[in-house]
Protein backbone atom coordinates (compact mmCIF):
# COMPACT_ATOMS: atom_id res chain seq x y z
CA MET A 1 -22.11 5.72 2.28
CA THR A 2 -23.62 9.18 2.58
CA ILE A 3 -23.95 11.86 -0.08
CA GLY A 4 -21.06 13.70 1.56
CA GLY A 5 -18.93 10.55 1.35
CA ILE A 6 -19.72 10.13 -2.33
CA ILE A 7 -18.87 13.75 -3.09
CA THR A 8 -15.64 13.43 -1.09
CA ALA A 9 -14.73 10.25 -3.00
CA LEU A 10 -15.32 12.05 -6.33
CA ILE A 11 -13.21 15.04 -5.35
CA PHE A 12 -10.44 12.94 -3.83
CA GLY A 13 -10.54 10.60 -6.84
CA ALA A 14 -10.16 13.56 -9.17
CA VAL A 15 -7.16 14.82 -7.20
CA ILE A 16 -5.46 11.40 -7.02
CA GLY A 17 -6.17 10.80 -10.73
CA ALA A 18 -4.78 14.23 -11.65
CA VAL A 19 -1.62 13.60 -9.63
CA GLY A 20 -1.22 10.23 -11.34
CA ARG A 21 -1.72 11.87 -14.71
CA LEU A 22 0.89 14.53 -13.91
CA ILE A 23 3.47 11.92 -12.95
CA VAL A 24 3.02 9.78 -16.09
CA PRO A 25 5.25 11.28 -18.79
CA GLY A 26 3.85 12.43 -22.11
CA LYS A 27 0.34 13.30 -23.22
CA GLN A 28 -2.43 10.95 -22.20
CA HIS A 29 -5.33 10.70 -24.64
CA MET A 30 -8.10 9.96 -22.16
CA PRO A 31 -11.10 11.98 -21.01
CA ILE A 32 -11.26 13.69 -17.63
CA TRP A 33 -14.09 11.45 -16.42
CA LEU A 34 -11.83 8.44 -16.94
CA THR A 35 -9.08 10.15 -14.95
CA ILE A 36 -11.55 10.58 -12.08
CA VAL A 37 -12.59 6.91 -12.30
CA VAL A 38 -8.95 5.78 -12.27
CA GLY A 39 -8.34 8.06 -9.27
CA ILE A 40 -11.32 6.68 -7.35
CA VAL A 41 -10.26 3.08 -8.02
CA ALA A 42 -6.67 3.94 -7.05
CA ALA A 43 -7.85 5.59 -3.82
CA PHE A 44 -9.81 2.49 -2.81
CA ALA A 45 -6.96 0.16 -3.84
CA GLY A 46 -4.37 2.21 -1.93
CA THR A 47 -6.56 2.23 1.16
CA GLY A 48 -7.06 -1.52 0.84
CA LEU A 49 -3.32 -2.09 0.59
CA ALA A 50 -2.75 0.10 3.65
CA HIS A 51 -5.31 -2.01 5.54
CA LEU A 52 -3.49 -5.13 4.39
CA PHE A 53 -0.27 -3.85 5.98
CA ASP A 54 -2.14 -2.81 9.16
CA LEU A 55 -1.33 0.86 8.70
CA LYS A 56 -3.45 3.52 10.34
CA THR A 57 -6.07 4.59 7.81
CA SER A 58 -8.04 7.15 9.80
CA GLY A 59 -7.01 10.71 9.04
CA TRP A 60 -4.08 11.41 6.75
CA ASN A 61 -1.42 8.73 6.33
CA PHE A 62 1.75 9.14 4.25
CA TRP A 63 1.96 5.49 3.18
CA GLU A 64 -1.71 5.24 2.27
CA THR A 65 -1.41 8.35 0.10
CA LEU A 66 1.76 7.00 -1.50
CA PHE A 67 0.00 3.70 -2.32
CA GLN A 68 -2.95 5.60 -3.79
CA ILE A 69 -0.73 7.72 -6.01
CA ALA A 70 1.26 4.65 -7.11
CA PHE A 71 -1.97 2.88 -8.10
CA ALA A 72 -3.11 6.03 -9.93
CA VAL A 73 0.16 6.23 -11.89
CA VAL A 74 -0.11 2.58 -12.94
CA GLY A 75 -3.81 2.99 -13.72
CA VAL A 76 -3.34 6.13 -15.83
CA TYR A 77 -0.43 4.51 -17.69
CA LEU A 78 -2.45 1.38 -18.49
CA VAL A 79 -5.65 3.18 -19.43
CA ALA A 80 -3.79 5.70 -21.62
CA ALA A 81 -1.98 2.86 -23.38
CA PHE A 82 -5.21 1.05 -24.25
CA TRP A 83 -7.63 3.98 -24.70
CA PRO A 84 -8.22 4.64 -28.42
CA ARG A 85 -6.89 7.92 -29.73
CA LYS A 86 -9.15 10.22 -31.69
CA THR A 87 -8.30 10.33 -35.36
CA ALA A 88 -9.11 13.27 -37.58
CA ASP A 89 -11.39 12.46 -40.51
CA PHE A 90 -10.07 14.70 -43.25
């Protein structure tokens, strides 16, 4: 993987993670870096699932993107449920 590929994965992961975070209802108490990580994992998982179904994965593909967003939604929901919330020390 080249530097350009890594940068593209980070940007695309951030976008997929942000879309997943927008779809999950309520406020998620998780940092932005974790949203990016969830998005990157979701992007790879969605692409893997598209490969599993023998869908075209070069260029833009509706089903691949839908799988990636679905994985991001599930990932954001799970991480937000288990990520500790900050408590105020008064």
